[in-house]
Structures are given as structure tokens and as C-alpha cells.
Amino acid sequence: MNIGEIAPRVFKWNAETSAMVPLHPRQADRQYVDGEEYRLGVIEERSGSSHRHYFAAINDAWHNLSEDQSVRFPTSEHLRRYALIKAGYADVQEFAASSRAEALRIATYIGGIDSYAVVAVKGSTVQRFTAKSQSYRSMGKDEFNASKEKVLEIISAMIGVTPAELAKAAA
């Protein structure tokens, strides 16, 4: 099994046997190989209610966008990913073109492939920004909370409210 395919499992420490015991042994048996060594690390659980509140706040903000902004962000997911990119939670790819005209053609093509990406042209270089995943598996508690705070600040400013007002409206 590829290490990337191994889903996090919950273990309980047994001091008597000095062993980590899986809470779901049959799942662990299917996933781990007897005799192999695996690194265990503590993953702080994210709050499901905080996660749901975050997406509700984004959705509320999206419904309150101006007409111009609504055209730019056809879904709340477009808005969320844009704010993630603007907050610095993005992966960047650069493409070198032979001229600015070619860079503009490449940017138009790239923009048409991924409507969630932000594409910028600087001289003859094209940059493609894609939002980092905020899935439970991709982002730990601390990073998620930091990204959540920054995204809600950006989106709140876009609709002319404070982050606290947006959070209260989504509650």
C-alpha cells in the first residue's frame, strides 16, 4: 500500500504492554503490514462545528456580494478559493513565454481550464495560483484556524462588514 493511501487511524496507548492499540483493529489489519515500522504523530482534531460555521459564513458572504462581485465569483467555492489565494494559502506555478503576447495567450488558456485558479501575467511570465486544500487530511488544526481567520477577514472586507459581524450572521 502506498503511504499516501494510508488514512489516519485512532490508536490508544496501553501502558501495561507499552503498545499503541488501534481502536478499529480490522481496519488497521487491512491497512498496515505486520512487522513493518510506521511513524505515529499526534494530529489535533479540528472542530466540526468550526468547520461548518466557516463554510456557512462564506456562503452568507457570497449571497451578499455586489453585482460585480457576483459575476466574478459565481459560487461560494470560487469566493473561498480566491480568498485563500489572496491570504497566501496557494500553490504557484510559473510558465515562461517567449513574449508578453504569448504570455497573455497562455494565461487565457490556463484561466479557461481552471475557473478556481488566479492567473497573473508579469512581462512574459504567467503565474497560476491554486488554493491549498483545507481538507481535514491536508490542513491541521492550527493551519486551518489561521487560514480561516485570514479568509474571513478578506471576505468580510469585500462585503463591507467586520469578521465578527460575518461570524454572527452565520451562527
N, C-alpha and C. Protein backbone atom coordinates (compact mmCIF):
# COMPACT_ATOMS: atom_id res chain seq x y z
N MET A 1 0.85 -1.18 0.00
CA MET A 1 0.00 0.00 0.00
C MET A 1 0.90 1.24 0.00
N ASN A 2 0.56 2.18 -0.83
CA ASN A 2 1.28 3.44 -0.92
C ASN A 2 1.04 4.25 0.35
N ILE A 3 2.09 4.88 0.89
CA ILE A 3 1.98 5.63 2.14
C ILE A 3 0.93 6.74 2.03
N GLY A 4 0.76 7.31 0.84
CA GLY A 4 -0.25 8.36 0.65
C GLY A 4 -1.67 7.84 0.74
N GLU A 5 -1.84 6.53 0.62
CA GLU A 5 -3.18 5.92 0.69
C GLU A 5 -3.57 5.54 2.10
N ILE A 6 -2.66 5.67 3.06
CA ILE A 6 -2.95 5.27 4.43
C ILE A 6 -3.71 6.38 5.13
N ALA A 7 -4.93 6.08 5.52
CA ALA A 7 -5.75 7.06 6.23
C ALA A 7 -5.35 7.08 7.70
N PRO A 8 -5.42 8.25 8.33
CA PRO A 8 -5.09 8.30 9.76
C PRO A 8 -6.06 7.41 10.55
N ARG A 9 -5.54 6.71 11.50
CA ARG A 9 -6.33 5.84 12.37
C ARG A 9 -6.14 6.29 13.81
N VAL A 10 -7.11 5.97 14.63
CA VAL A 10 -7.05 6.32 16.05
C VAL A 10 -6.49 5.14 16.83
N PHE A 11 -5.47 5.41 17.64
CA PHE A 11 -4.84 4.41 18.49
C PHE A 11 -4.97 4.84 19.94
N LYS A 12 -4.90 3.88 20.83
CA LYS A 12 -4.94 4.16 22.27
C LYS A 12 -3.68 3.56 22.89
N TRP A 13 -3.01 4.34 23.72
CA TRP A 13 -1.79 3.88 24.38
C TRP A 13 -2.14 2.91 25.49
N ASN A 14 -1.46 1.78 25.51
CA ASN A 14 -1.62 0.79 26.57
C ASN A 14 -0.30 0.74 27.33
N ALA A 15 -0.26 1.37 28.51
CA ALA A 15 0.98 1.47 29.28
C ALA A 15 1.44 0.09 29.78
N GLU A 16 0.49 -0.81 30.04
CA GLU A 16 0.84 -2.13 30.55
C GLU A 16 1.67 -2.92 29.55
N THR A 17 1.31 -2.81 28.25
CA THR A 17 2.05 -3.55 27.21
C THR A 17 3.02 -2.65 26.45
N SER A 18 3.03 -1.37 26.79
CA SER A 18 3.85 -0.37 26.07
C SER A 18 3.60 -0.44 24.57
N ALA A 19 2.32 -0.42 24.21
CA ALA A 19 1.96 -0.54 22.80
C ALA A 19 0.80 0.39 22.46
N MET A 20 0.80 0.84 21.21
CA MET A 20 -0.33 1.61 20.68
C MET A 20 -1.31 0.59 20.10
N VAL A 21 -2.54 0.61 20.57
CA VAL A 21 -3.55 -0.35 20.16
C VAL A 21 -4.60 0.36 19.30
N PRO A 22 -4.84 -0.13 18.07
CA PRO A 22 -5.84 0.53 17.22
C PRO A 22 -7.24 0.35 17.78
N LEU A 23 -8.04 1.40 17.69
CA LEU A 23 -9.43 1.30 18.15
C LEU A 23 -10.26 0.46 17.20
N HIS A 24 -9.85 0.37 15.96
CA HIS A 24 -10.55 -0.45 14.96
C HIS A 24 -9.53 -1.42 14.35
N PRO A 25 -9.27 -2.54 15.03
CA PRO A 25 -8.21 -3.46 14.61
C PRO A 25 -8.37 -4.03 13.20
N ARG A 26 -9.60 -4.32 12.77
CA ARG A 26 -9.78 -4.89 11.42
C ARG A 26 -9.37 -3.91 10.34
N GLN A 27 -9.70 -2.62 10.54
CA GLN A 27 -9.28 -1.61 9.58
C GLN A 27 -7.75 -1.51 9.57
N ALA A 28 -7.16 -1.53 10.74
CA ALA A 28 -5.69 -1.46 10.84
C ALA A 28 -5.05 -2.67 10.16
N ASP A 29 -5.64 -3.85 10.33
CA ASP A 29 -5.10 -5.06 9.69
C ASP A 29 -5.10 -4.94 8.17
N ARG A 30 -6.11 -4.29 7.62
CA ARG A 30 -6.19 -4.12 6.17
C ARG A 30 -5.19 -3.08 5.67
N GLN A 31 -4.82 -2.17 6.54
CA GLN A 31 -4.02 -1.03 6.13
C GLN A 31 -2.53 -1.18 6.42
N TYR A 32 -2.18 -1.85 7.49
CA TYR A 32 -0.79 -1.97 7.90
C TYR A 32 -0.26 -3.37 7.66
N VAL A 33 1.06 -3.47 7.47
CA VAL A 33 1.71 -4.75 7.22
C VAL A 33 2.40 -5.19 8.52
N ASP A 34 2.14 -6.42 8.94
CA ASP A 34 2.73 -6.96 10.16
C ASP A 34 4.26 -6.93 10.06
N GLY A 35 4.90 -6.39 11.09
CA GLY A 35 6.35 -6.34 11.12
C GLY A 35 6.95 -5.06 10.54
N GLU A 36 6.17 -4.29 9.79
CA GLU A 36 6.66 -3.02 9.24
C GLU A 36 6.64 -1.96 10.34
N GLU A 37 7.49 -0.96 10.18
CA GLU A 37 7.52 0.14 11.14
C GLU A 37 6.81 1.34 10.54
N TYR A 38 6.03 2.03 11.38
CA TYR A 38 5.29 3.22 10.96
C TYR A 38 5.52 4.32 11.99
N ARG A 39 5.61 5.55 11.52
CA ARG A 39 5.73 6.68 12.43
C ARG A 39 4.34 7.13 12.86
N LEU A 40 4.20 7.34 14.13
CA LEU A 40 2.95 7.87 14.66
C LEU A 40 3.17 9.32 15.03
N GLY A 41 2.20 10.14 14.78
CA GLY A 41 2.27 11.54 15.16
C GLY A 41 0.91 11.97 15.68
N VAL A 42 0.92 12.93 16.54
CA VAL A 42 -0.33 13.43 17.10
C VAL A 42 -0.93 14.42 16.11
N ILE A 43 -2.20 14.22 15.78
CA ILE A 43 -2.94 15.14 14.93
C ILE A 43 -4.05 15.73 15.78
N GLU A 44 -3.98 17.04 15.99
CA GLU A 44 -5.03 17.67 16.78
C GLU A 44 -6.29 17.73 15.94
N GLU A 45 -7.37 17.28 16.52
CA GLU A 45 -8.64 17.25 15.81
C GLU A 45 -9.17 18.66 15.62
N ARG A 46 -9.71 18.89 14.44
CA ARG A 46 -10.37 20.16 14.17
C ARG A 46 -11.83 20.04 14.60
N SER A 47 -12.37 21.16 14.96
CA SER A 47 -13.75 21.20 15.39
C SER A 47 -14.67 21.14 14.18
N GLY A 48 -15.55 20.16 14.16
CA GLY A 48 -16.53 20.05 13.08
C GLY A 48 -17.46 21.25 13.05
N SER A 49 -17.83 21.75 14.21
CA SER A 49 -18.75 22.90 14.23
C SER A 49 -18.04 24.15 13.71
N SER A 50 -16.75 24.30 14.01
CA SER A 50 -15.99 25.44 13.49
C SER A 50 -15.87 25.33 11.97
N HIS A 51 -15.65 24.14 11.48
CA HIS A 51 -15.55 23.89 10.05
C HIS A 51 -16.86 24.27 9.35
N ARG A 52 -17.97 23.79 9.90
CA ARG A 52 -19.29 24.08 9.31
C ARG A 52 -19.61 25.58 9.38
N HIS A 53 -19.27 26.21 10.51
CA HIS A 53 -19.52 27.65 10.67
C HIS A 53 -18.74 28.44 9.63
N TYR A 54 -17.51 28.05 9.37
CA TYR A 54 -16.66 28.71 8.39
C TYR A 54 -17.33 28.70 7.01
N PHE A 55 -17.78 27.52 6.58
CA PHE A 55 -18.40 27.42 5.27
C PHE A 55 -19.74 28.15 5.22
N ALA A 56 -20.47 28.18 6.33
CA ALA A 56 -21.72 28.93 6.39
C ALA A 56 -21.45 30.43 6.26
N ALA A 57 -20.40 30.91 6.91
CA ALA A 57 -20.05 32.33 6.84
C ALA A 57 -19.67 32.71 5.40
N ILE A 58 -18.91 31.86 4.75
CA ILE A 58 -18.53 32.13 3.35
C ILE A 58 -19.77 32.17 2.47
N ASN A 59 -20.67 31.23 2.69
CA ASN A 59 -21.90 31.19 1.90
C ASN A 59 -22.75 32.44 2.14
N ASP A 60 -22.86 32.86 3.39
CA ASP A 60 -23.60 34.10 3.70
C ASP A 60 -22.97 35.29 3.00
N ALA A 61 -21.65 35.38 3.07
CA ALA A 61 -20.95 36.49 2.42
C ALA A 61 -21.18 36.46 0.92
N TRP A 62 -21.11 35.28 0.34
CA TRP A 62 -21.30 35.15 -1.10
C TRP A 62 -22.68 35.67 -1.52
N HIS A 63 -23.69 35.38 -0.71
CA HIS A 63 -25.05 35.86 -1.01
C HIS A 63 -25.16 37.38 -0.87
N ASN A 64 -24.18 38.01 -0.25
CA ASN A 64 -24.20 39.45 -0.04
C ASN A 64 -23.18 40.20 -0.89
N LEU A 65 -22.63 39.55 -1.89
CA LEU A 65 -21.70 40.21 -2.79
C LEU A 65 -22.43 41.22 -3.66
N SER A 66 -21.71 42.24 -4.09
CA SER A 66 -22.28 43.19 -5.04
C SER A 66 -22.49 42.48 -6.37
N GLU A 67 -23.23 43.14 -7.27
CA GLU A 67 -23.49 42.54 -8.57
C GLU A 67 -22.20 42.23 -9.33
N ASP A 68 -21.26 43.17 -9.31
CA ASP A 68 -19.97 42.97 -9.99
C ASP A 68 -19.22 41.78 -9.41
N GLN A 69 -19.22 41.69 -8.10
CA GLN A 69 -18.51 40.59 -7.44
C GLN A 69 -19.19 39.25 -7.72
N SER A 70 -20.51 39.26 -7.82
CA SER A 70 -21.25 38.02 -8.10
C SER A 70 -20.88 37.44 -9.45
N VAL A 71 -20.60 38.32 -10.41
CA VAL A 71 -20.18 37.86 -11.73
C VAL A 71 -18.79 37.23 -11.63
N ARG A 72 -17.92 37.84 -10.86
CA ARG A 72 -16.55 37.35 -10.70
C ARG A 72 -16.49 36.04 -9.93
N PHE A 73 -17.40 35.88 -8.95
CA PHE A 73 -17.43 34.69 -8.09
C PHE A 73 -18.79 34.01 -8.23
N PRO A 74 -18.95 33.13 -9.24
CA PRO A 74 -20.25 32.52 -9.49
C PRO A 74 -20.73 31.56 -8.40
N THR A 75 -19.82 31.09 -7.55
CA THR A 75 -20.21 30.20 -6.44
C THR A 75 -19.44 30.61 -5.19
N SER A 76 -19.91 30.15 -4.04
CA SER A 76 -19.20 30.43 -2.80
C SER A 76 -17.83 29.75 -2.79
N GLU A 77 -17.70 28.66 -3.51
CA GLU A 77 -16.42 27.96 -3.61
C GLU A 77 -15.39 28.80 -4.37
N HIS A 78 -15.83 29.50 -5.41
CA HIS A 78 -14.93 30.42 -6.12
C HIS A 78 -14.45 31.51 -5.16
N LEU A 79 -15.36 32.02 -4.37
CA LEU A 79 -15.02 33.08 -3.41
C LEU A 79 -14.02 32.57 -2.36
N ARG A 80 -14.28 31.39 -1.81
CA ARG A 80 -13.40 30.82 -0.79
C ARG A 80 -11.99 30.61 -1.35
N ARG A 81 -11.91 30.01 -2.52
CA ARG A 81 -10.59 29.73 -3.09
C ARG A 81 -9.84 31.02 -3.44
N TYR A 82 -10.55 32.02 -3.93
CA TYR A 82 -9.92 33.31 -4.21
C TYR A 82 -9.34 33.89 -2.92
N ALA A 83 -10.12 33.88 -1.85
CA ALA A 83 -9.66 34.44 -0.58
C ALA A 83 -8.48 33.64 -0.02
N LEU A 84 -8.49 32.34 -0.18
CA LEU A 84 -7.34 31.52 0.25
C LEU A 84 -6.07 31.94 -0.50
N ILE A 85 -6.20 32.12 -1.79
CA ILE A 85 -5.05 32.53 -2.60
C ILE A 85 -4.57 33.90 -2.16
N LYS A 86 -5.51 34.83 -1.99
CA LYS A 86 -5.14 36.19 -1.57
C LYS A 86 -4.50 36.19 -0.18
N ALA A 87 -4.89 35.26 0.67
CA ALA A 87 -4.33 35.15 2.02
C ALA A 87 -2.98 34.45 2.03
N GLY A 88 -2.55 33.94 0.88
CA GLY A 88 -1.24 33.30 0.80
C GLY A 88 -1.28 31.79 0.93
N TYR A 89 -2.45 31.20 0.99
CA TYR A 89 -2.58 29.75 1.08
C TYR A 89 -2.79 29.20 -0.33
N ALA A 90 -1.69 29.24 -1.09
CA ALA A 90 -1.77 28.87 -2.50
C ALA A 90 -0.50 28.18 -2.96
N ASP A 91 -0.66 27.39 -4.00
CA ASP A 91 0.47 26.82 -4.72
C ASP A 91 0.62 27.65 -5.99
N VAL A 92 1.85 27.88 -6.40
CA VAL A 92 2.11 28.73 -7.56
C VAL A 92 2.90 27.96 -8.60
N GLN A 93 2.45 28.07 -9.84
CA GLN A 93 3.19 27.52 -10.97
C GLN A 93 3.55 28.69 -11.88
N GLU A 94 4.75 28.66 -12.42
CA GLU A 94 5.16 29.71 -13.35
C GLU A 94 5.46 29.12 -14.71
N PHE A 95 5.04 29.86 -15.74
CA PHE A 95 5.26 29.44 -17.12
C PHE A 95 5.99 30.57 -17.83
N ALA A 96 7.10 30.26 -18.45
CA ALA A 96 7.86 31.27 -19.20
C ALA A 96 7.41 31.25 -20.65
N ALA A 97 7.10 32.42 -21.16
CA ALA A 97 6.70 32.55 -22.56
C ALA A 97 7.78 33.34 -23.30
N SER A 98 7.73 33.28 -24.62
CA SER A 98 8.75 33.98 -25.41
C SER A 98 8.45 35.48 -25.55
N SER A 99 7.21 35.87 -25.27
CA SER A 99 6.84 37.29 -25.37
C SER A 99 5.63 37.55 -24.48
N ARG A 100 5.34 38.81 -24.27
CA ARG A 100 4.16 39.17 -23.48
C ARG A 100 2.88 38.70 -24.19
N ALA A 101 2.84 38.84 -25.50
CA ALA A 101 1.66 38.41 -26.27
C ALA A 101 1.42 36.91 -26.07
N GLU A 102 2.49 36.13 -26.11
CA GLU A 102 2.35 34.69 -25.90
C GLU A 102 1.90 34.41 -24.45
N ALA A 103 2.45 35.17 -23.50
CA ALA A 103 2.08 35.00 -22.09
C ALA A 103 0.58 35.27 -21.91
N LEU A 104 0.07 36.28 -22.58
CA LEU A 104 -1.36 36.59 -22.48
C LEU A 104 -2.21 35.46 -23.07
N ARG A 105 -1.75 34.86 -24.17
CA ARG A 105 -2.48 33.72 -24.76
C ARG A 105 -2.47 32.52 -23.79
N ILE A 106 -1.30 32.27 -23.20
CA ILE A 106 -1.18 31.15 -22.24
C ILE A 106 -2.09 31.40 -21.04
N ALA A 107 -2.10 32.63 -20.55
CA ALA A 107 -2.93 32.98 -19.39
C ALA A 107 -4.41 32.77 -19.70
N THR A 108 -4.82 33.16 -20.88
CA THR A 108 -6.22 32.98 -21.29
C THR A 108 -6.56 31.49 -21.33
N TYR A 109 -5.66 30.70 -21.87
CA TYR A 109 -5.88 29.25 -21.95
C TYR A 109 -5.95 28.64 -20.54
N ILE A 110 -4.99 28.97 -19.70
CA ILE A 110 -4.96 28.42 -18.33
C ILE A 110 -6.20 28.82 -17.56
N GLY A 111 -6.59 30.08 -17.69
CA GLY A 111 -7.78 30.56 -16.99
C GLY A 111 -9.05 29.83 -17.41
N GLY A 112 -9.08 29.40 -18.66
CA GLY A 112 -10.24 28.65 -19.15
C GLY A 112 -10.29 27.22 -18.67
N ILE A 113 -9.15 26.67 -18.27
CA ILE A 113 -9.08 25.29 -17.81
C ILE A 113 -9.57 25.15 -16.38
N ASP A 114 -9.16 26.10 -15.53
CA ASP A 114 -9.47 26.01 -14.10
C ASP A 114 -10.07 27.33 -13.63
N SER A 115 -11.38 27.35 -13.49
CA SER A 115 -12.05 28.60 -13.11
C SER A 115 -11.76 29.01 -11.67
N TYR A 116 -11.21 28.12 -10.88
CA TYR A 116 -10.86 28.44 -9.50
C TYR A 116 -9.48 29.09 -9.40
N ALA A 117 -8.64 28.93 -10.40
CA ALA A 117 -7.28 29.45 -10.34
C ALA A 117 -7.27 30.96 -10.57
N VAL A 118 -6.26 31.60 -10.00
CA VAL A 118 -6.00 33.00 -10.27
C VAL A 118 -4.77 33.03 -11.16
N VAL A 119 -4.88 33.69 -12.30
CA VAL A 119 -3.80 33.72 -13.28
C VAL A 119 -3.32 35.16 -13.43
N ALA A 120 -2.01 35.34 -13.36
CA ALA A 120 -1.42 36.67 -13.49
C ALA A 120 -0.30 36.63 -14.53
N VAL A 121 -0.13 37.75 -15.22
CA VAL A 121 0.93 37.87 -16.21
C VAL A 121 1.85 39.00 -15.77
N LYS A 122 3.14 38.68 -15.71
CA LYS A 122 4.17 39.67 -15.40
C LYS A 122 5.21 39.60 -16.52
N GLY A 123 5.18 40.59 -17.39
CA GLY A 123 6.08 40.55 -18.53
C GLY A 123 5.75 39.36 -19.40
N SER A 124 6.72 38.49 -19.59
CA SER A 124 6.49 37.28 -20.40
C SER A 124 6.36 36.02 -19.53
N THR A 125 6.03 36.24 -18.25
CA THR A 125 5.85 35.10 -17.33
C THR A 125 4.40 35.02 -16.89
N VAL A 126 3.86 33.80 -16.88
CA VAL A 126 2.49 33.56 -16.42
C VAL A 126 2.57 32.84 -15.08
N GLN A 127 1.81 33.33 -14.12
CA GLN A 127 1.73 32.67 -12.82
C GLN A 127 0.31 32.14 -12.63
N ARG A 128 0.23 30.91 -12.18
CA ARG A 128 -1.06 30.27 -11.90
C ARG A 128 -1.10 29.95 -10.41
N PHE A 129 -2.03 30.55 -9.70
CA PHE A 129 -2.19 30.34 -8.27
C PHE A 129 -3.40 29.44 -8.04
N THR A 130 -3.21 28.37 -7.29
CA THR A 130 -4.33 27.50 -6.92
C THR A 130 -4.38 27.41 -5.40
N ALA A 131 -5.59 27.45 -4.87
CA ALA A 131 -5.79 27.44 -3.42
C ALA A 131 -5.36 26.10 -2.83
N LYS A 132 -4.74 26.17 -1.66
CA LYS A 132 -4.40 24.95 -0.94
C LYS A 132 -5.67 24.32 -0.40
N SER A 133 -5.67 23.03 -0.31
CA SER A 133 -6.81 22.30 0.22
C SER A 133 -6.93 22.55 1.72
N GLN A 134 -8.16 22.72 2.18
CA GLN A 134 -8.42 22.86 3.61
C GLN A 134 -9.05 21.59 4.18
N SER A 135 -8.91 20.50 3.46
CA SER A 135 -9.49 19.24 3.95
C SER A 135 -8.85 18.86 5.28
N TYR A 136 -9.54 18.03 6.04
CA TYR A 136 -9.02 17.58 7.33
C TYR A 136 -7.66 16.92 7.16
N ARG A 137 -7.49 16.21 6.09
CA ARG A 137 -6.25 15.48 5.85
C ARG A 137 -5.10 16.40 5.44
N SER A 138 -5.44 17.50 4.74
CA SER A 138 -4.41 18.38 4.20
C SER A 138 -3.96 19.48 5.15
N MET A 139 -4.85 19.89 6.05
CA MET A 139 -4.54 21.03 6.91
C MET A 139 -4.86 20.68 8.35
N GLY A 140 -3.86 20.82 9.20
CA GLY A 140 -4.06 20.58 10.62
C GLY A 140 -4.87 21.69 11.27
N LYS A 141 -5.15 21.50 12.53
CA LYS A 141 -5.99 22.43 13.28
C LYS A 141 -5.46 23.86 13.27
N ASP A 142 -4.18 24.03 13.60
CA ASP A 142 -3.61 25.38 13.70
C ASP A 142 -3.59 26.08 12.35
N GLU A 143 -3.15 25.37 11.32
CA GLU A 143 -3.10 25.99 9.99
C GLU A 143 -4.50 26.29 9.49
N PHE A 144 -5.45 25.39 9.74
CA PHE A 144 -6.83 25.64 9.31
C PHE A 144 -7.38 26.89 10.01
N ASN A 145 -7.17 26.98 11.33
CA ASN A 145 -7.70 28.13 12.06
C ASN A 145 -7.08 29.44 11.57
N ALA A 146 -5.79 29.42 11.29
CA ALA A 146 -5.13 30.63 10.78
C ALA A 146 -5.68 31.00 9.39
N SER A 147 -5.83 30.00 8.53
CA SER A 147 -6.35 30.28 7.18
C SER A 147 -7.80 30.73 7.25
N LYS A 148 -8.56 30.13 8.12
CA LYS A 148 -9.97 30.51 8.29
C LYS A 148 -10.08 31.97 8.69
N GLU A 149 -9.28 32.38 9.65
CA GLU A 149 -9.31 33.76 10.13
C GLU A 149 -8.97 34.75 9.01
N LYS A 150 -7.91 34.44 8.25
CA LYS A 150 -7.50 35.33 7.17
C LYS A 150 -8.54 35.39 6.05
N VAL A 151 -9.09 34.24 5.69
CA VAL A 151 -10.10 34.19 4.63
C VAL A 151 -11.33 35.00 5.04
N LEU A 152 -11.78 34.83 6.26
CA LEU A 152 -12.97 35.57 6.70
C LEU A 152 -12.70 37.08 6.78
N GLU A 153 -11.47 37.47 7.11
CA GLU A 153 -11.12 38.90 7.10
C GLU A 153 -11.22 39.46 5.69
N ILE A 154 -10.68 38.73 4.72
CA ILE A 154 -10.70 39.18 3.32
C ILE A 154 -12.13 39.27 2.81
N ILE A 155 -12.91 38.24 3.06
CA ILE A 155 -14.28 38.20 2.56
C ILE A 155 -15.15 39.25 3.25
N SER A 156 -14.95 39.45 4.55
CA SER A 156 -15.70 40.47 5.28
C SER A 156 -15.46 41.85 4.68
N ALA A 157 -14.20 42.14 4.40
CA ALA A 157 -13.86 43.44 3.81
C ALA A 157 -14.52 43.61 2.44
N MET A 158 -14.65 42.51 1.71
CA MET A 158 -15.26 42.59 0.37
C MET A 158 -16.73 43.00 0.44
N ILE A 159 -17.42 42.62 1.51
CA ILE A 159 -18.85 42.95 1.60
C ILE A 159 -19.12 44.08 2.58
N GLY A 160 -18.04 44.64 3.16
CA GLY A 160 -18.19 45.82 3.99
C GLY A 160 -18.69 45.56 5.41
N VAL A 161 -18.31 44.41 5.97
CA VAL A 161 -18.66 44.12 7.37
C VAL A 161 -17.39 43.68 8.10
N THR A 162 -17.48 43.61 9.41
CA THR A 162 -16.34 43.11 10.18
C THR A 162 -16.40 41.59 10.21
N PRO A 163 -15.27 40.94 10.47
CA PRO A 163 -15.30 39.48 10.61
C PRO A 163 -16.27 39.04 11.72
N ALA A 164 -16.36 39.81 12.79
CA ALA A 164 -17.26 39.46 13.89
C ALA A 164 -18.72 39.52 13.43
N GLU A 165 -19.05 40.52 12.61
CA GLU A 165 -20.43 40.63 12.10
C GLU A 165 -20.76 39.47 11.17
N LEU A 166 -19.78 39.10 10.35
CA LEU A 166 -19.98 37.96 9.44
C LEU A 166 -20.15 36.67 10.24
N ALA A 167 -19.32 36.49 11.26
CA ALA A 167 -19.42 35.28 12.09
C ALA A 167 -20.77 35.22 12.79
N LYS A 168 -21.23 36.34 13.29
CA LYS A 168 -22.52 36.39 14.00
C LYS A 168 -23.67 36.06 13.04
N ALA A 169 -23.60 36.59 11.82
CA ALA A 169 -24.65 36.32 10.84
C ALA A 169 -24.70 34.84 10.45
N ALA A 170 -23.57 34.19 10.47
CA ALA A 170 -23.51 32.77 10.06
C ALA A 170 -23.88 31.82 11.20
N ALA A 171 -23.95 32.34 12.43
CA ALA A 171 -24.19 31.48 13.59
C ALA A 171 -25.58 30.91 13.63
